[in-house]
Protein backbone atom coordinates (compact mmCIF):
# COMPACT_ATOMS: atom_id res chain seq x y z
CA UNK A 1 -32.08 -4.55 -27.68
CA UNK A 2 -28.53 -2.71 -26.68
CA UNK A 3 -27.00 -2.65 -23.39
CA UNK A 4 -27.27 0.75 -21.86
CA UNK A 5 -24.38 0.17 -19.74
CA UNK A 6 -21.38 2.81 -19.47
CA UNK A 7 -17.90 0.80 -19.63
CA UNK A 8 -16.27 4.24 -18.10
CA UNK A 9 -18.74 3.57 -14.89
CA UNK A 10 -18.07 0.14 -14.15
CA UNK A 11 -16.94 -0.14 -10.45
CA UNK A 12 -15.28 -3.70 -11.02
CA UNK A 13 -12.60 -2.15 -12.76
CA UNK A 14 -11.11 -0.46 -9.75
CA UNK A 15 -12.17 -3.15 -7.46
CA UNK A 16 -8.62 -4.16 -6.31
CA UNK A 17 -7.92 -0.31 -5.51
CA UNK A 18 -11.02 0.03 -3.24
CA UNK A 19 -9.83 -3.37 -1.45
CA UNK A 20 -6.48 -1.73 -0.60
CA UNK A 21 -8.04 1.52 0.47
CA UNK A 22 -10.20 -0.43 2.68
CA UNK A 23 -7.44 -2.39 4.27
CA UNK A 24 -5.32 0.78 4.69
CA UNK A 25 -8.10 2.28 6.60
CA UNK A 26 -8.78 -0.61 8.74
CA UNK A 27 -5.27 -0.88 9.72
CA UNK A 28 -5.14 2.61 10.38
CA UNK A 29 -7.83 2.53 12.80
CA UNK A 30 -6.35 -0.56 14.28
CA UNK A 31 -2.94 1.11 14.90
CA UNK A 32 -4.88 4.24 16.57
CA UNK A 33 -6.73 2.09 18.78
CA UNK A 34 -3.89 0.28 19.98
CA UNK A 35 -1.67 3.44 20.58
CA UNK A 36 -4.47 5.46 22.20
CA UNK A 37 -3.35 6.66 25.62
CA UNK A 38 -5.53 7.36 28.39
CA UNK A 39 -4.81 9.28 31.60
CA UNK A 40 -6.22 7.68 34.93
CA UNK A 41 -7.95 10.35 36.93
CA UNK A 42 -8.58 8.83 40.52
CA UNK A 43 -9.79 12.34 41.94
CA UNK A 44 -6.39 13.49 43.12
CA UNK A 45 -5.76 10.27 45.49
CA UNK A 46 -2.66 8.05 45.25
CA UNK A 47 -4.18 4.71 44.98
CA UNK A 48 -0.45 2.96 45.14
CA UNK A 49 0.17 4.32 48.48
CA UNK A 50 -0.20 1.50 51.05
CA UNK A 51 -1.10 2.64 54.60
CA UNK A 52 0.52 0.87 57.62
CA UNK A 53 -0.57 0.89 61.11
CA UNK A 54 2.13 3.36 62.36
CA UNK A 55 0.57 5.83 59.79
CA UNK A 56 -2.72 5.69 60.83
CA UNK A 57 -1.55 5.88 64.65
CA UNK A 58 0.37 9.30 64.11
């Protein structure tokens, strides 16, 4: 019985290239995740401002 596999369709020939493409995609996703900037929206209040007792009395 003859084998019916087509050697041109063998995915193992390009296995190294697929591995490198996968590594590049993962590294790109990690880079984007680490460089992602978020803007803190605290409703317009300055939470860094500290009230003192003299501010409360005036």
